[in-house]
Amino acid sequence: MTVISSNLGASSLVPTFTDRLRSPLTKAHIHTLQINLGKRCNLACSHCHVEAGPKRTEELTEEVCQQLIQLIQKHPEIQVIDLTGGAPEMLYGFRPLVEAARQANKTVIVRSNLTIYFEPGFEDLPKYCADKQVRIVASLPCYLSDNVDKMRGHGVYDSSIRALQKLTELGYGSQPQLVLDLVYNPPLPTQEKQFRLTPNQISLEQDYKTFLQEKFSIQFNHLLTITNLPIGRTGQFLKRQDLYGKYLQFLSDHFNSETVEGLMCRHQLSVDYQGQIYDCDFNQMAEVPALNQQGNPLTVANLLASDRLDLISTIQTRDYCYGCTAGSGSSCGGALL
């Protein structure tokens, strides 16, 4: 058992995630390479687990970019290149990685905040992504303006709607090769009675589609519901509200063992802008590195030298992993069940 005492009033007694599983969480076949290109972003969203923003300077280096391109070219088993940030489109390596991955016939995902399309120098991004058939996963934590602007900043909703209209005009959401998915995050709670798991993904998707089509003529493919994990700015917010321990208890109370088989960390490698390897993006932000069978951290250079992707057997878990296994589960691909 772990005592979570969040300097926040009452302590919470929560079993460690490892204890709850009763056996180590292990890697399966690796098919996805998720690359965080850095922490610079034109927004500073209140729920951002990366703590990205305009004042951050961390960014992919040319050396690591070239190593990643080699990795993409050498390993046909990697089917998906998932680019995130920060705002990945504004960071070094974005276009070289997109082009290397598409030349290798891999699916490319970019996790976009949409507003980047209106920043000087980035106006061509919608057309570029359409030309390269990049799958866009875009943050829109609600289909109503007030909730979006509270989480992401004043005016973000209107910019996001204009961006989605541009993408619809290009064929996103209607042409099979142009996939556009939206991401829902619950509002951050200010009191315990506001704790929520994500709603039913299928029914909420229909609500989004009806509203956005009727009001703005926007089309998209899927809605992905993602639980707020108590790390990064979400964790800081919960601590300021004296809710951190209680929220972790809430997630633990809703643990669903049926979600474990589909956890994203089992099938992916997460890479940071320095070329260090993690089991998932959340571990990356919590600075919990993936370990090889000898207990040593790994880098992209290690993977290239070994010519193998399966150097990790046991996934590093922490108590925030309850966020991915609560209710219907949560991953970068939305609900697991």
Protein backbone atom coordinates (compact mmCIF):
# COMPACT_ATOMS: atom_id res chain seq x y z
CA MET A 1 0.00 0.00 0.00
CA THR A 2 1.07 3.57 -0.63
CA VAL A 3 0.06 6.48 1.55
CA ILE A 4 -0.68 9.49 -0.65
CA SER A 5 -0.30 12.49 1.54
CA SER A 6 -0.56 15.41 -0.77
CA ASN A 7 0.07 18.10 1.90
CA LEU A 8 -3.56 18.61 1.16
CA GLY A 9 -5.44 17.69 4.21
CA ALA A 10 -6.51 14.09 4.62
CA SER A 11 -4.23 11.37 3.35
CA SER A 12 -5.49 8.70 0.98
CA LEU A 13 -4.58 5.06 1.26
CA VAL A 14 -4.17 3.77 -2.29
CA PRO A 15 -2.65 0.43 -3.31
CA THR A 16 0.33 0.90 -5.60
CA PHE A 17 -0.53 0.20 -9.21
CA THR A 18 1.95 -2.70 -9.22
CA ASP A 19 0.24 -4.24 -6.19
CA ARG A 20 -3.15 -3.87 -7.86
CA LEU A 21 -1.93 -5.68 -11.00
CA ARG A 22 -0.39 -8.50 -8.90
CA SER A 23 2.14 -9.16 -11.66
CA PRO A 24 4.51 -6.99 -13.71
CA LEU A 25 3.09 -5.13 -16.71
CA THR A 26 4.97 -6.39 -19.74
CA LYS A 27 5.70 -5.15 -23.25
CA ALA A 28 4.00 -6.76 -26.23
CA HIS A 29 4.82 -6.37 -29.94
CA ILE A 30 5.98 -2.79 -30.60
CA HIS A 31 4.17 -1.13 -33.50
CA THR A 32 4.09 2.57 -32.53
CA LEU A 33 6.85 5.12 -32.05
CA GLN A 34 5.55 8.20 -30.26
CA ILE A 35 7.97 11.12 -30.50
CA ASN A 36 7.73 14.24 -28.35
CA LEU A 37 9.53 16.90 -30.40
CA GLY A 38 9.82 19.33 -27.50
CA LYS A 39 7.94 21.59 -25.11
CA ARG A 40 7.62 24.82 -27.09
CA CYS A 41 4.01 25.67 -27.92
CA ASN A 42 1.97 28.73 -28.85
CA LEU A 43 -0.52 27.83 -26.08
CA ALA A 44 -0.19 27.08 -22.35
CA CYS A 45 -3.28 24.96 -21.61
CA SER A 46 -4.35 24.54 -17.98
CA HIS A 47 -4.58 20.73 -18.25
CA CYS A 48 -1.33 20.16 -20.20
CA HIS A 49 0.63 17.26 -18.72
CA VAL A 50 3.67 18.33 -20.79
CA GLU A 51 3.62 21.82 -19.21
CA ALA A 52 4.29 23.18 -22.69
CA GLY A 53 4.12 26.88 -23.54
CA PRO A 54 5.56 29.80 -25.51
CA LYS A 55 8.43 30.30 -23.03
CA ARG A 56 9.69 26.71 -23.22
CA THR A 57 12.78 26.18 -25.36
CA GLU A 58 13.29 22.38 -25.28
CA GLU A 59 13.38 20.98 -28.81
CA LEU A 60 14.56 17.99 -30.84
CA THR A 61 18.18 18.12 -31.95
CA GLU A 62 19.39 17.42 -35.47
CA GLU A 63 21.39 14.41 -34.23
CA VAL A 64 18.38 12.76 -32.58
CA CYS A 65 16.22 13.57 -35.60
CA GLN A 66 18.62 11.70 -37.88
CA GLN A 67 18.72 8.74 -35.47
CA LEU A 68 14.93 8.60 -35.49
CA ILE A 69 14.82 8.64 -39.27
CA GLN A 70 17.25 5.71 -39.31
CA LEU A 71 15.07 3.85 -36.82
CA ILE A 72 11.98 4.47 -38.96
CA GLN A 73 13.76 3.22 -42.07
CA LYS A 74 15.28 0.10 -40.43
CA HIS A 75 12.21 -1.30 -38.68
CA PRO A 76 9.21 -2.28 -40.82
CA GLU A 77 7.43 -3.49 -37.68
CA ILE A 78 6.98 0.17 -36.69
CA GLN A 79 3.63 0.94 -38.32
CA VAL A 80 2.75 4.28 -36.70
CA ILE A 81 4.78 7.44 -36.08
CA ASP A 82 2.95 9.59 -33.55
CA LEU A 83 4.27 13.16 -33.32
CA THR A 84 3.49 15.26 -30.28
CA GLY A 85 4.84 18.21 -28.31
CA GLY A 86 4.40 21.07 -27.41
CA ALA A 87 3.04 22.05 -30.72
CA PRO A 88 4.87 19.46 -32.84
CA GLU A 89 4.36 21.39 -36.09
CA MET A 90 6.45 24.32 -34.85
CA LEU A 91 9.37 22.20 -33.60
CA TYR A 92 12.53 21.05 -35.35
CA GLY A 93 12.22 17.72 -37.11
CA PHE A 94 8.49 17.77 -37.76
CA ARG A 95 8.59 17.81 -41.55
CA PRO A 96 11.67 15.58 -41.98
CA LEU A 97 10.07 12.94 -39.77
CA VAL A 98 6.71 13.19 -41.54
CA GLU A 99 8.40 12.77 -44.91
CA ALA A 100 10.68 9.91 -43.83
CA ALA A 101 7.75 8.05 -42.30
CA ARG A 102 5.48 8.53 -45.30
CA GLN A 103 8.26 7.41 -47.66
CA ALA A 104 8.46 4.24 -45.55
CA ASN A 105 4.68 3.84 -45.94
CA LYS A 106 3.95 4.33 -42.25
CA THR A 107 0.92 6.02 -40.73
CA VAL A 108 1.78 9.45 -39.36
CA ILE A 109 -0.22 11.05 -36.56
CA VAL A 110 0.25 14.67 -35.52
CA ARG A 111 -1.31 15.81 -32.26
CA SER A 112 -2.33 19.35 -33.08
CA ASN A 113 -3.73 22.23 -31.06
CA LEU A 114 -5.22 23.61 -34.34
CA THR A 115 -4.45 27.25 -33.45
CA ILE A 116 -0.91 26.78 -34.77
CA TYR A 117 -2.38 27.14 -38.30
CA PHE A 118 -2.82 30.87 -37.69
CA GLU A 119 0.68 31.57 -36.40
CA PRO A 120 3.00 33.39 -38.88
CA GLY A 121 4.93 30.90 -40.98
CA PHE A 122 2.61 27.96 -40.33
CA GLU A 123 -0.35 28.89 -42.52
CA ASP A 124 0.44 26.11 -45.02
CA LEU A 125 0.14 23.33 -42.43
CA PRO A 126 -3.40 22.15 -43.29
CA LYS A 127 -2.50 21.73 -46.98
CA TYR A 128 0.87 20.16 -46.10
CA CYS A 129 -0.78 17.59 -43.82
CA ALA A 130 -3.42 16.80 -46.45
CA ASP A 131 -0.77 16.37 -49.16
CA LYS A 132 1.18 13.94 -46.92
CA GLN A 133 -2.02 12.21 -45.74
CA VAL A 134 -1.16 12.88 -42.10
CA ARG A 135 -3.77 11.77 -39.60
CA ILE A 136 -4.61 14.74 -37.38
CA VAL A 137 -5.59 14.24 -33.74
CA ALA A 138 -6.80 17.62 -32.52
CA SER A 139 -7.61 18.84 -29.04
CA LEU A 140 -11.17 20.12 -28.60
CA PRO A 141 -12.04 19.37 -24.97
CA CYS A 142 -15.66 20.40 -25.49
CA TYR A 143 -17.87 21.40 -28.41
CA LEU A 144 -18.97 24.53 -26.49
CA SER A 145 -16.82 27.65 -26.41
CA ASP A 146 -16.81 28.49 -22.68
CA ASN A 147 -15.33 25.15 -21.60
CA VAL A 148 -12.62 25.21 -24.29
CA ASP A 149 -11.51 28.78 -23.56
CA LYS A 150 -11.38 28.09 -19.81
CA MET A 151 -9.02 25.14 -20.34
CA ARG A 152 -6.97 26.42 -23.28
CA GLY A 153 -7.15 30.22 -23.31
CA HIS A 154 -9.36 33.04 -24.55
CA GLY A 155 -10.19 32.82 -28.25
CA VAL A 156 -8.88 29.27 -28.68
CA TYR A 157 -12.34 27.88 -29.44
CA ASP A 158 -12.97 30.29 -32.31
CA SER A 159 -9.51 29.61 -33.78
CA SER A 160 -10.07 25.87 -33.44
CA ILE A 161 -13.40 26.07 -35.26
CA ARG A 162 -11.85 28.02 -38.13
CA ALA A 163 -9.04 25.46 -38.34
CA LEU A 164 -11.50 22.55 -38.40
CA GLN A 165 -13.44 24.27 -41.18
CA LYS A 166 -10.21 24.54 -43.20
CA LEU A 167 -9.54 20.84 -42.68
CA THR A 168 -13.11 19.94 -43.68
CA GLU A 169 -12.70 21.95 -46.90
CA LEU A 170 -9.56 19.94 -47.68
CA GLY A 171 -11.46 16.67 -47.30
CA TYR A 172 -10.57 15.73 -43.73
CA GLY A 173 -13.35 13.69 -42.16
CA SER A 174 -14.81 12.70 -45.53
CA GLN A 175 -11.98 11.34 -47.70
CA PRO A 176 -10.76 7.92 -46.46
CA GLN A 177 -7.06 8.88 -46.53
CA LEU A 178 -7.62 12.14 -44.57
CA VAL A 179 -8.46 11.17 -41.00
CA LEU A 180 -9.34 13.80 -38.42
CA ASP A 181 -9.99 12.80 -34.82
CA LEU A 182 -10.89 15.12 -31.96
CA VAL A 183 -9.89 14.74 -28.31
CA TYR A 184 -12.17 15.31 -25.32
CA ASN A 185 -10.78 15.92 -21.82
CA PRO A 186 -13.06 16.37 -18.79
CA PRO A 187 -13.01 19.80 -17.08
CA LEU A 188 -10.58 20.04 -14.17
CA PRO A 189 -12.46 19.62 -10.86
CA THR A 190 -12.43 22.29 -8.19
CA GLN A 191 -14.19 20.08 -5.64
CA GLU A 192 -14.49 16.37 -4.99
CA LYS A 193 -18.09 16.10 -6.19
CA GLN A 194 -16.91 17.18 -9.66
CA PHE A 195 -14.66 14.13 -10.14
CA ARG A 196 -15.66 12.46 -13.40
CA LEU A 197 -14.57 9.60 -15.60
CA THR A 198 -14.83 10.27 -19.32
CA PRO A 199 -18.37 9.89 -20.73
CA ASN A 200 -19.34 7.13 -23.13
CA GLN A 201 -17.12 7.76 -26.13
CA ILE A 202 -19.62 6.63 -28.77
CA SER A 203 -22.56 8.74 -27.57
CA LEU A 204 -20.41 11.82 -26.91
CA GLU A 205 -18.92 11.48 -30.41
CA GLN A 206 -22.41 11.66 -31.87
CA ASP A 207 -23.15 14.80 -29.82
CA TYR A 208 -19.96 16.41 -31.15
CA LYS A 209 -20.72 15.42 -34.75
CA THR A 210 -24.29 16.70 -34.66
CA PHE A 211 -23.36 20.04 -33.09
CA LEU A 212 -20.28 20.75 -35.21
CA GLN A 213 -21.99 19.72 -38.46
CA GLU A 214 -25.18 21.69 -37.86
CA LYS A 215 -23.51 24.84 -36.53
CA PHE A 216 -20.22 24.97 -38.45
CA SER A 217 -20.41 22.37 -41.29
CA ILE A 218 -17.42 20.54 -39.73
CA GLN A 219 -16.79 16.85 -40.34
CA PHE A 220 -14.44 14.55 -38.44
CA ASN A 221 -13.91 10.82 -38.01
CA HIS A 222 -13.72 9.88 -34.34
CA LEU A 223 -13.84 11.40 -30.89
CA LEU A 224 -11.18 10.18 -28.44
CA THR A 225 -12.01 10.54 -24.75
CA ILE A 226 -8.92 10.90 -22.57
CA THR A 227 -8.85 11.00 -18.76
CA ASN A 228 -6.87 13.76 -17.06
CA LEU A 229 -3.91 12.12 -15.34
CA PRO A 230 -2.66 13.80 -12.13
CA ILE A 231 0.71 14.91 -13.55
CA GLY A 232 2.01 18.13 -15.09
CA ARG A 233 -0.32 21.11 -14.83
CA THR A 234 -3.27 18.87 -13.96
CA GLY A 235 -1.35 17.51 -10.96
CA GLN A 236 -0.32 21.02 -9.89
CA PHE A 237 -3.92 22.24 -10.19
CA LEU A 238 -5.23 19.36 -8.09
CA LYS A 239 -2.65 20.06 -5.40
CA ARG A 240 -3.63 23.74 -5.24
CA GLN A 241 -7.25 22.62 -4.77
CA ASP A 242 -6.26 20.10 -2.06
CA LEU A 243 -7.64 17.34 -4.29
CA TYR A 244 -4.60 15.39 -5.46
CA GLY A 245 -4.86 12.44 -3.06
CA LYS A 246 -8.64 12.30 -3.32
CA TYR A 247 -8.52 12.28 -7.12
CA LEU A 248 -5.96 9.47 -7.13
CA GLN A 249 -8.22 7.55 -4.75
CA PHE A 250 -11.15 8.16 -7.13
CA LEU A 251 -9.18 6.75 -10.07
CA SER A 252 -8.04 3.76 -8.00
CA ASP A 253 -11.61 3.05 -6.88
CA HIS A 254 -12.63 2.81 -10.56
CA PHE A 255 -9.76 0.54 -11.66
CA ASN A 256 -10.92 -1.86 -14.39
CA SER A 257 -8.69 -4.88 -14.97
CA GLU A 258 -10.20 -5.41 -18.44
CA THR A 259 -8.39 -2.30 -19.70
CA VAL A 260 -4.89 -3.65 -18.97
CA GLU A 261 -4.55 -5.77 -22.09
CA GLY A 262 -5.04 -2.75 -24.37
CA LEU A 263 -2.84 -0.20 -22.58
CA MET A 264 -0.88 1.89 -25.08
CA CYS A 265 2.38 1.49 -23.16
CA ARG A 266 2.43 -2.22 -24.07
CA HIS A 267 2.74 -1.59 -27.81
CA GLN A 268 4.67 1.65 -28.09
CA LEU A 269 7.97 3.33 -27.37
CA SER A 270 7.90 6.97 -26.29
CA VAL A 271 10.91 9.13 -27.25
CA ASP A 272 11.77 12.58 -25.93
CA TYR A 273 13.55 15.43 -27.71
CA GLN A 274 16.90 14.18 -26.33
CA GLY A 275 16.44 10.66 -27.72
CA GLN A 276 15.66 9.02 -24.37
CA ILE A 277 13.17 6.13 -24.32
CA TYR A 278 10.10 5.82 -22.10
CA ASP A 279 7.20 3.41 -21.92
CA CYS A 280 4.65 6.16 -22.49
CA ASP A 281 4.30 9.92 -22.79
CA PHE A 282 3.08 10.21 -19.19
CA ASN A 283 6.17 8.45 -17.84
CA GLN A 284 8.23 10.74 -20.06
CA MET A 285 6.75 13.83 -18.40
CA ALA A 286 7.19 12.27 -14.96
CA GLU A 287 10.84 11.47 -15.86
CA VAL A 288 10.41 7.73 -15.36
CA PRO A 289 12.65 6.14 -18.04
CA ALA A 290 12.07 2.76 -19.63
CA LEU A 291 14.62 0.15 -18.49
CA ASN A 292 16.18 -2.72 -20.37
CA GLN A 293 16.47 -6.18 -18.88
CA GLN A 294 19.68 -5.14 -17.09
CA GLY A 295 17.87 -2.22 -15.44
CA ASN A 296 19.50 0.50 -17.54
CA PRO A 297 17.78 3.44 -19.27
CA LEU A 298 17.66 3.34 -23.06
CA THR A 299 18.18 5.80 -25.89
CA VAL A 300 17.42 5.77 -29.62
CA ALA A 301 21.16 5.20 -30.16
CA ASN A 302 20.92 1.99 -28.09
CA LEU A 303 18.05 0.73 -30.24
CA LEU A 304 20.02 1.43 -33.43
CA ALA A 305 23.12 -0.29 -32.08
CA SER A 306 21.20 -3.40 -31.05
CA ASP A 307 19.05 -3.44 -34.20
CA ARG A 308 16.12 -4.47 -31.96
CA LEU A 309 13.05 -2.81 -30.50
CA ASP A 310 12.29 -5.47 -27.88
CA LEU A 311 14.89 -4.48 -25.27
CA ILE A 312 12.25 -3.75 -22.62
CA SER A 313 10.39 -6.53 -20.84
CA THR A 314 8.81 -4.83 -17.81
CA ILE A 315 6.94 -1.53 -18.10
CA GLN A 316 7.60 1.07 -15.42
CA THR A 317 4.35 1.87 -13.61
CA ARG A 318 3.37 4.56 -11.14
CA ASP A 319 0.19 5.38 -9.30
CA TYR A 320 -1.00 7.80 -11.99
CA CYS A 321 -1.39 4.71 -14.22
CA TYR A 322 -4.80 4.38 -12.56
CA GLY A 323 -5.88 7.19 -14.91
CA CYS A 324 -5.40 4.91 -17.93
CA THR A 325 -7.23 1.96 -16.33
CA ALA A 326 -10.23 3.65 -14.68
CA GLY A 327 -13.68 2.99 -16.08
CA SER A 328 -13.53 2.35 -19.83
CA GLY A 329 -9.81 3.07 -19.83
CA SER A 330 -7.92 5.88 -21.50
CA SER A 331 -5.07 6.11 -23.97
CA CYS A 332 -3.75 8.37 -26.71
CA GLY A 333 -6.26 6.49 -28.89
CA GLY A 334 -9.19 7.20 -26.58
CA ALA A 335 -11.27 4.73 -24.57
CA LEU A 336 -9.94 1.17 -24.38
CA LEU A 337 -13.29 -0.56 -23.87
